[in-house]
């Protein structure tokens, strides 16, 4: 392909094709994740809570502790505890 303003078409096309392949893989993984949540739901698990746990497990302990403490403070401030 042509070289336009220092950009080689072949190199650009290669990047785009790699991104497209990864996007397709990501979509397949998201479908697999939805399927697992659906399976868990059909077995009586609360998927909203499961999603919260997954999000919390991604956090390091310090961030998780800070968030839990803030949640406690906020809930106390509005009379929920």
PDB file of N, CA and C in Angstrom:
ATOM      1  N   UNK A   1       0.830  -1.181   0.000  1.00  0.00           N
ATOM      2  CA  UNK A   1       0.000   0.000   0.000  1.00  0.00           C
ATOM      3  C   UNK A   1       0.874   1.244   0.000  1.00  0.00           C
ATOM      4  N   UNK A   2       0.265   2.352  -0.232  1.00  0.00           N
ATOM      5  CA  UNK A   2       0.987   3.613  -0.357  1.00  0.00           C
ATOM      6  C   UNK A   2       1.442   4.140   1.004  1.00  0.00           C
ATOM      7  N   UNK A   3       2.490   4.940   0.940  1.00  0.00           N
ATOM      8  CA  UNK A   3       3.011   5.635   2.119  1.00  0.00           C
ATOM      9  C   UNK A   3       2.504   7.067   2.041  1.00  0.00           C
ATOM     10  N   UNK A   4       1.613   7.425   2.969  1.00  0.00           N
ATOM     11  CA  UNK A   4       1.024   8.754   2.963  1.00  0.00           C
ATOM     12  C   UNK A   4       1.425   9.479   4.232  1.00  0.00           C
ATOM     13  N   UNK A   5       2.162  10.556   4.066  1.00  0.00           N
ATOM     14  CA  UNK A   5       2.611  11.382   5.187  1.00  0.00           C
ATOM     15  C   UNK A   5       3.274  10.551   6.278  1.00  0.00           C
ATOM     16  N   UNK A   6       4.123   9.615   5.882  1.00  0.00           N
ATOM     17  CA  UNK A   6       4.873   8.799   6.827  1.00  0.00           C
ATOM     18  C   UNK A   6       4.114   7.612   7.394  1.00  0.00           C
ATOM     19  N   UNK A   7       2.884   7.385   6.922  1.00  0.00           N
ATOM     20  CA  UNK A   7       2.079   6.261   7.408  1.00  0.00           C
ATOM     21  C   UNK A   7       2.016   5.211   6.305  1.00  0.00           C
ATOM     22  N   UNK A   8       2.516   4.036   6.627  1.00  0.00           N
ATOM     23  CA  UNK A   8       2.416   2.968   5.639  1.00  0.00           C
ATOM     24  C   UNK A   8       1.080   2.277   5.764  1.00  0.00           C
ATOM     25  N   UNK A   9       0.412   2.142   4.639  1.00  0.00           N
ATOM     26  CA  UNK A   9      -0.911   1.535   4.619  1.00  0.00           C
ATOM     27  C   UNK A   9      -0.908   0.111   5.135  1.00  0.00           C
ATOM     28  N   UNK A  10       0.125  -0.669   4.787  1.00  0.00           N
ATOM     29  CA  UNK A  10       0.181  -2.066   5.223  1.00  0.00           C
ATOM     30  C   UNK A  10       0.287  -2.155   6.748  1.00  0.00           C
ATOM     31  N   UNK A  11       1.107  -1.306   7.329  1.00  0.00           N
ATOM     32  CA  UNK A  11       1.274  -1.325   8.770  1.00  0.00           C
ATOM     33  C   UNK A  11      -0.024  -0.909   9.462  1.00  0.00           C
ATOM     34  N   UNK A  12      -0.653   0.134   8.967  1.00  0.00           N
ATOM     35  CA  UNK A  12      -1.911   0.602   9.527  1.00  0.00           C
ATOM     36  C   UNK A  12      -2.987  -0.474   9.417  1.00  0.00           C
ATOM     37  N   UNK A  13      -3.065  -1.099   8.253  1.00  0.00           N
ATOM     38  CA  UNK A  13      -4.049  -2.156   8.027  1.00  0.00           C
ATOM     39  C   UNK A  13      -3.808  -3.313   8.993  1.00  0.00           C
ATOM     40  N   UNK A  14      -2.552  -3.637   9.236  1.00  0.00           N
ATOM     41  CA  UNK A  14      -2.209  -4.709  10.166  1.00  0.00           C
ATOM     42  C   UNK A  14      -2.705  -4.393  11.581  1.00  0.00           C
ATOM     43  N   UNK A  15      -2.479  -3.148  12.025  1.00  0.00           N
ATOM     44  CA  UNK A  15      -2.957  -2.742  13.354  1.00  0.00           C
ATOM     45  C   UNK A  15      -4.479  -2.846  13.435  1.00  0.00           C
ATOM     46  N   UNK A  16      -5.148  -2.345  12.427  1.00  0.00           N
ATOM     47  CA  UNK A  16      -6.610  -2.359  12.412  1.00  0.00           C
ATOM     48  C   UNK A  16      -7.138  -3.782  12.438  1.00  0.00           C
ATOM     49  N   UNK A  17      -6.544  -4.672  11.656  1.00  0.00           N
ATOM     50  CA  UNK A  17      -6.987  -6.064  11.633  1.00  0.00           C
ATOM     51  C   UNK A  17      -6.754  -6.747  12.973  1.00  0.00           C
ATOM     52  N   UNK A  18      -5.632  -6.440  13.624  1.00  0.00           N
ATOM     53  CA  UNK A  18      -5.367  -7.003  14.954  1.00  0.00           C
ATOM     54  C   UNK A  18      -6.398  -6.514  15.962  1.00  0.00           C
ATOM     55  N   UNK A  19      -6.719  -5.224  15.904  1.00  0.00           N
ATOM     56  CA  UNK A  19      -7.728  -4.661  16.808  1.00  0.00           C
ATOM     57  C   UNK A  19      -9.079  -5.316  16.557  1.00  0.00           C
ATOM     58  N   UNK A  20      -9.441  -5.481  15.295  1.00  0.00           N
ATOM     59  CA  UNK A  20     -10.720  -6.111  14.968  1.00  0.00           C
ATOM     60  C   UNK A  20     -10.788  -7.534  15.512  1.00  0.00           C
ATOM     61  N   UNK A  21      -9.689  -8.280  15.392  1.00  0.00           N
ATOM     62  CA  UNK A  21      -9.641  -9.650  15.906  1.00  0.00           C
ATOM     63  C   UNK A  21      -9.805  -9.655  17.421  1.00  0.00           C
ATOM     64  N   UNK A  22      -9.118  -8.742  18.108  1.00  0.00           N
ATOM     65  CA  UNK A  22      -9.231  -8.658  19.562  1.00  0.00           C
ATOM     66  C   UNK A  22     -10.640  -8.246  19.991  1.00  0.00           C
ATOM     67  N   UNK A  23     -11.260  -7.326  19.252  1.00  0.00           N
ATOM     68  CA  UNK A  23     -12.641  -6.923  19.553  1.00  0.00           C
ATOM     69  C   UNK A  23     -13.587  -8.112  19.416  1.00  0.00           C
ATOM     70  N   UNK A  24     -13.363  -8.935  18.406  1.00  0.00           N
ATOM     71  CA  UNK A  24     -14.186 -10.129  18.217  1.00  0.00           C
ATOM     72  C   UNK A  24     -13.994 -11.101  19.377  1.00  0.00           C
ATOM     73  N   UNK A  25     -12.748 -11.297  19.795  1.00  0.00           N
ATOM     74  CA  UNK A  25     -12.463 -12.171  20.931  1.00  0.00           C
ATOM     75  C   UNK A  25     -13.106 -11.625  22.202  1.00  0.00           C
ATOM     76  N   UNK A  26     -13.045 -10.299  22.384  1.00  0.00           N
ATOM     77  CA  UNK A  26     -13.646  -9.668  23.552  1.00  0.00           C
ATOM     78  C   UNK A  26     -15.154  -9.903  23.557  1.00  0.00           C
ATOM     79  N   UNK A  27     -15.794  -9.772  22.407  1.00  0.00           N
ATOM     80  CA  UNK A  27     -17.241  -9.999  22.318  1.00  0.00           C
ATOM     81  C   UNK A  27     -17.577 -11.447  22.676  1.00  0.00           C
ATOM     82  N   UNK A  28     -16.756 -12.380  22.212  1.00  0.00           N
ATOM     83  CA  UNK A  28     -16.982 -13.787  22.539  1.00  0.00           C
ATOM     84  C   UNK A  28     -16.816 -14.041  24.043  1.00  0.00           C
ATOM     85  N   UNK A  29     -15.802 -13.417  24.645  1.00  0.00           N
ATOM     86  CA  UNK A  29     -15.592 -13.571  26.082  1.00  0.00           C
ATOM     87  C   UNK A  29     -16.746 -12.967  26.872  1.00  0.00           C
ATOM     88  N   UNK A  30     -17.237 -11.801  26.424  1.00  0.00           N
ATOM     89  CA  UNK A  30     -18.380 -11.182  27.105  1.00  0.00           C
ATOM     90  C   UNK A  30     -19.615 -12.073  27.027  1.00  0.00           C
ATOM     91  N   UNK A  31     -19.804 -12.726  25.897  1.00  0.00           N
ATOM     92  CA  UNK A  31     -20.925 -13.652  25.757  1.00  0.00           C
ATOM     93  C   UNK A  31     -20.751 -14.835  26.701  1.00  0.00           C
ATOM     94  N   UNK A  32     -19.536 -15.327  26.845  1.00  0.00           N
ATOM     95  CA  UNK A  32     -19.259 -16.428  27.766  1.00  0.00           C
ATOM     96  C   UNK A  32     -19.529 -16.016  29.208  1.00  0.00           C
ATOM     97  N   UNK A  33     -19.138 -14.795  29.560  1.00  0.00           N
ATOM     98  CA  UNK A  33     -19.370 -14.293  30.917  1.00  0.00           C
ATOM     99  C   UNK A  33     -20.863 -14.179  31.182  1.00  0.00           C
ATOM    100  N   UNK A  34     -21.618 -13.647  30.215  1.00  0.00           N
ATOM    101  CA  UNK A  34     -23.077 -13.555  30.375  1.00  0.00           C
ATOM    102  C   UNK A  34     -23.685 -14.939  30.586  1.00  0.00           C
ATOM    103  N   UNK A  35     -23.160 -15.920  29.873  1.00  0.00           N
ATOM    104  CA  UNK A  35     -23.656 -17.290  29.994  1.00  0.00           C
ATOM    105  C   UNK A  35     -23.408 -17.844  31.406  1.00  0.00           C
ATOM    106  N   UNK A  36     -22.232 -17.560  31.969  1.00  0.00           N
ATOM    107  CA  UNK A  36     -21.920 -18.022  33.325  1.00  0.00           C
ATOM    108  C   UNK A  36     -22.855 -17.354  34.338  1.00  0.00           C
ATOM    109  N   UNK A  37     -23.076 -16.047  34.187  1.00  0.00           N
ATOM    110  CA  UNK A  37     -24.005 -15.354  35.086  1.00  0.00           C
ATOM    111  C   UNK A  37     -25.414 -15.929  34.945  1.00  0.00           C
ATOM    112  N   UNK A  38     -25.829 -16.218  33.733  1.00  0.00           N
ATOM    113  CA  UNK A  38     -27.149 -16.795  33.501  1.00  0.00           C
ATOM    114  C   UNK A  38     -27.271 -18.163  34.172  1.00  0.00           C
ATOM    115  N   UNK A  39     -26.228 -18.952  34.064  1.00  0.00           N
ATOM    116  CA  UNK A  39     -26.206 -20.269  34.706  1.00  0.00           C
ATOM    117  C   UNK A  39     -26.293 -20.127  36.231  1.00  0.00           C
ATOM    118  N   UNK A  40     -25.528 -19.180  36.773  1.00  0.00           N
ATOM    119  CA  UNK A  40     -25.548 -18.946  38.217  1.00  0.00           C
ATOM    120  C   UNK A  40     -26.936 -18.496  38.661  1.00  0.00           C
ATOM    121  N   UNK A  41     -27.549 -17.608  37.872  1.00  0.00           N
ATOM    122  CA  UNK A  41     -28.896 -17.116  38.207  1.00  0.00           C
ATOM    123  C   UNK A  41     -29.900 -18.254  38.202  1.00  0.00           C
ATOM    124  N   UNK A  42     -29.795 -19.143  37.229  1.00  0.00           N
ATOM    125  CA  UNK A  42     -30.729 -20.269  37.159  1.00  0.00           C
ATOM    126  C   UNK A  42     -30.534 -21.235  38.321  1.00  0.00           C
ATOM    127  N   UNK A  43     -29.384 -21.155  38.992  1.00  0.00           N
ATOM    128  CA  UNK A  43     -29.131 -21.982  40.172  1.00  0.00           C
ATOM    129  C   UNK A  43     -29.393 -21.215  41.465  1.00  0.00           C
ATOM    130  N   UNK A  44     -30.058 -20.050  41.357  1.00  0.00           N
ATOM    131  CA  UNK A  44     -30.509 -19.330  42.527  1.00  0.00           C
ATOM    132  C   UNK A  44     -29.576 -18.270  43.078  1.00  0.00           C
ATOM    133  N   UNK A  45     -28.472 -17.979  42.386  1.00  0.00           N
ATOM    134  CA  UNK A  45     -27.538 -16.965  42.868  1.00  0.00           C
ATOM    135  C   UNK A  45     -27.967 -15.576  42.392  1.00  0.00           C
ATOM    136  N   UNK A  46     -27.696 -14.568  43.211  1.00  0.00           N
ATOM    137  CA  UNK A  46     -28.006 -13.183  42.869  1.00  0.00           C
ATOM    138  C   UNK A  46     -26.838 -12.631  42.049  1.00  0.00           C
ATOM    139  N   UNK A  47     -27.078 -12.403  40.769  1.00  0.00           N
ATOM    140  CA  UNK A  47     -25.985 -11.996  39.882  1.00  0.00           C
ATOM    141  C   UNK A  47     -25.513 -10.572  40.141  1.00  0.00           C
ATOM    142  N   UNK A  48     -26.380  -9.713  40.667  1.00  0.00           N
ATOM    143  CA  UNK A  48     -25.948  -8.356  41.001  1.00  0.00           C
ATOM    144  C   UNK A  48     -24.892  -8.406  42.097  1.00  0.00           C
ATOM    145  N   UNK A  49     -25.134  -9.238  43.084  1.00  0.00           N
ATOM    146  CA  UNK A  49     -24.171  -9.380  44.179  1.00  0.00           C
ATOM    147  C   UNK A  49     -22.891 -10.028  43.658  1.00  0.00           C
ATOM    148  N   UNK A  50     -23.031 -11.006  42.797  1.00  0.00           N
ATOM    149  CA  UNK A  50     -21.844 -11.651  42.215  1.00  0.00           C
ATOM    150  C   UNK A  50     -20.986 -10.637  41.460  1.00  0.00           C
ATOM    151  N   UNK A  51     -21.633  -9.746  40.704  1.00  0.00           N
ATOM    152  CA  UNK A  51     -20.885  -8.715  39.966  1.00  0.00           C
ATOM    153  C   UNK A  51     -20.156  -7.780  40.927  1.00  0.00           C
ATOM    154  N   UNK A  52     -20.797  -7.458  42.045  1.00  0.00           N
ATOM    155  CA  UNK A  52     -20.137  -6.616  43.045  1.00  0.00           C
ATOM    156  C   UNK A  52     -18.915  -7.318  43.618  1.00  0.00           C
ATOM    157  N   UNK A  53     -19.045  -8.602  43.901  1.00  0.00           N
ATOM    158  CA  UNK A  53     -17.919  -9.357  44.443  1.00  0.00           C
ATOM    159  C   UNK A  53     -16.777  -9.411  43.442  1.00  0.00           C
ATOM    160  N   UNK A  54     -17.089  -9.652  42.188  1.00  0.00           N
ATOM    161  CA  UNK A  54     -16.051  -9.690  41.147  1.00  0.00           C
ATOM    162  C   UNK A  54     -15.328  -8.344  41.092  1.00  0.00           C
ATOM    163  N   UNK A  55     -16.095  -7.249  41.147  1.00  0.00           N
ATOM    164  CA  UNK A  55     -15.492  -5.912  41.118  1.00  0.00           C
ATOM    165  C   UNK A  55     -14.605  -5.687  42.345  1.00  0.00           C
ATOM    166  N   UNK A  56     -15.088  -6.111  43.514  1.00  0.00           N
ATOM    167  CA  UNK A  56     -14.307  -5.946  44.738  1.00  0.00           C
ATOM    168  C   UNK A  56     -13.029  -6.773  44.717  1.00  0.00           C
ATOM    169  N   UNK A  57     -13.097  -7.968  44.176  1.00  0.00           N
ATOM    170  CA  UNK A  57     -11.920  -8.838  44.129  1.00  0.00           C
ATOM    171  C   UNK A  57     -10.831  -8.292  43.205  1.00  0.00           C
ATOM    172  N   UNK A  58     -11.220  -7.449  42.256  1.00  0.00           N
ATOM    173  CA  UNK A  58     -10.243  -6.827  41.365  1.00  0.00           C
ATOM    174  C   UNK A  58      -9.436  -5.745  42.080  1.00  0.00           C
ATOM    175  N   UNK A  59     -10.013  -5.200  43.155  1.00  0.00           N
ATOM    176  CA  UNK A  59      -9.374  -4.103  43.883  1.00  0.00           C
ATOM    177  C   UNK A  59      -8.327  -4.660  44.838  1.00  0.00           C
ATOM    178  N   UNK A  60      -7.302  -3.843  45.130  1.00  0.00           N
ATOM    179  CA  UNK A  60      -6.367  -4.284  46.159  1.00  0.00           C
ATOM    180  C   UNK A  60      -7.000  -4.051  47.530  1.00  0.00           C
ATOM    181  N   UNK A  61      -6.453  -4.695  48.541  1.00  0.00           N
ATOM    182  CA  UNK A  61      -7.055  -4.681  49.873  1.00  0.00           C
ATOM    183  C   UNK A  61      -7.226  -3.272  50.424  1.00  0.00           C
ATOM    184  N   UNK A  62      -6.241  -2.413  50.228  1.00  0.00           N
ATOM    185  CA  UNK A  62      -6.315  -1.059  50.769  1.00  0.00           C
ATOM    186  C   UNK A  62      -7.458  -0.275  50.130  1.00  0.00           C
ATOM    187  N   UNK A  63      -7.574  -0.337  48.804  1.00  0.00           N
ATOM    188  CA  UNK A  63      -8.663   0.369  48.119  1.00  0.00           C
ATOM    189  C   UNK A  63     -10.020  -0.170  48.556  1.00  0.00           C
ATOM    190  N   UNK A  64     -10.104  -1.489  48.693  1.00  0.00           N
ATOM    191  CA  UNK A  64     -11.362  -2.106  49.110  1.00  0.00           C
ATOM    192  C   UNK A  64     -11.728  -1.658  50.522  1.00  0.00           C
ATOM    193  N   UNK A  65     -10.762  -1.629  51.426  1.00  0.00           N
ATOM    194  CA  UNK A  65     -11.023  -1.191  52.802  1.00  0.00           C
ATOM    195  C   UNK A  65     -11.478   0.264  52.846  1.00  0.00           C
ATOM    196  N   UNK A  66     -10.807   1.114  52.064  1.00  0.00           N
ATOM    197  CA  UNK A  66     -11.191   2.529  52.010  1.00  0.00           C
ATOM    198  C   UNK A  66     -12.616   2.688  51.502  1.00  0.00           C
ATOM    199  N   UNK A  67     -12.966   1.946  50.472  1.00  0.00           N
ATOM    200  CA  UNK A  67     -14.306   2.043  49.913  1.00  0.00           C
ATOM    201  C   UNK A  67     -15.348   1.555  50.913  1.00  0.00           C
ATOM    202  N   UNK A  68     -15.068   0.462  51.603  1.00  0.00           N
ATOM    203  CA  UNK A  68     -16.006  -0.058  52.588  1.00  0.00           C
ATOM    204  C   UNK A  68     -16.179   0.921  53.752  1.00  0.00           C
ATOM    205  N   UNK A  69     -15.084   1.553  54.191  1.00  0.00           N
ATOM    206  CA  UNK A  69     -15.163   2.534  55.271  1.00  0.00           C
ATOM    207  C   UNK A  69     -15.985   3.752  54.846  1.00  0.00           C
ATOM    208  N   UNK A  70     -15.759   4.243  53.626  1.00  0.00           N
ATOM    209  CA  UNK A  70     -16.542   5.370  53.126  1.00  0.00           C
ATOM    210  C   UNK A  70     -18.027   5.015  53.011  1.00  0.00           C
ATOM    211  N   UNK A  71     -18.298   3.812  52.555  1.00  0.00           N
ATOM    212  CA  UNK A  71     -19.686   3.368  52.455  1.00  0.00           C
ATOM    213  C   UNK A  71     -20.332   3.383  53.841  1.00  0.00           C
ATOM    214  N   UNK A  72     -19.623   2.883  54.833  1.00  0.00           N
ATOM    215  CA  UNK A  72     -20.132   2.878  56.206  1.00  0.00           C
ATOM    216  C   UNK A  72     -20.386   4.310  56.696  1.00  0.00           C
ATOM    217  N   UNK A  73     -19.437   5.207  56.452  1.00  0.00           N
ATOM    218  CA  UNK A  73     -19.573   6.609  56.873  1.00  0.00           C
ATOM    219  C   UNK A  73     -20.778   7.249  56.190  1.00  0.00           C
ATOM    220  N   UNK A  74     -20.897   7.065  54.889  1.00  0.00           N
ATOM    221  CA  UNK A  74     -22.002   7.666  54.138  1.00  0.00           C
ATOM    222  C   UNK A  74     -23.351   7.124  54.611  1.00  0.00           C
ATOM    223  N   UNK A  75     -23.424   5.807  54.812  1.00  0.00           N
ATOM    224  CA  UNK A  75     -24.671   5.212  55.274  1.00  0.00           C
ATOM    225  C   UNK A  75     -25.040   5.741  56.653  1.00  0.00           C
ATOM    226  N   UNK A  76     -24.060   5.890  57.524  1.00  0.00           N
ATOM    227  CA  UNK A  76     -24.309   6.446  58.863  1.00  0.00           C
ATOM    228  C   UNK A  76     -24.792   7.882  58.762  1.00  0.00           C
ATOM    229  N   UNK A  77     -24.196   8.638  57.856  1.00  0.00           N
ATOM    230  CA  UNK A  77     -24.538  10.047  57.705  1.00  0.00           C
ATOM    231  C   UNK A  77     -25.990  10.258  57.267  1.00  0.00           C
ATOM    232  N   UNK A  78     -26.539   9.294  56.536  1.00  0.00           N
ATOM    233  CA  UNK A  78     -27.927   9.450  56.068  1.00  0.00           C
ATOM    234  C   UNK A  78     -28.905   8.569  56.855  1.00  0.00           C
ATOM    235  N   UNK A  79     -28.417   8.007  57.967  1.00  0.00           N
ATOM    236  CA  UNK A  79     -29.293   7.251  58.856  1.00  0.00           C
ATOM    237  C   UNK A  79     -29.619   5.852  58.409  1.00  0.00           C
ATOM    238  N   UNK A  80     -28.782   5.250  57.614  1.00  0.00           N
ATOM    239  CA  UNK A  80     -29.039   3.891  57.164  1.00  0.00           C
ATOM    240  C   UNK A  80     -28.434   2.844  58.102  1.00  0.00           C
ATOM    241  N   UNK A  81     -27.607   3.277  59.051  1.00  0.00           N
ATOM    242  CA  UNK A  81     -27.004   2.320  59.991  1.00  0.00           C
ATOM    243  C   UNK A  81     -27.284   2.750  61.392  1.00  0.00           C
TER     244      UNK A  81
END
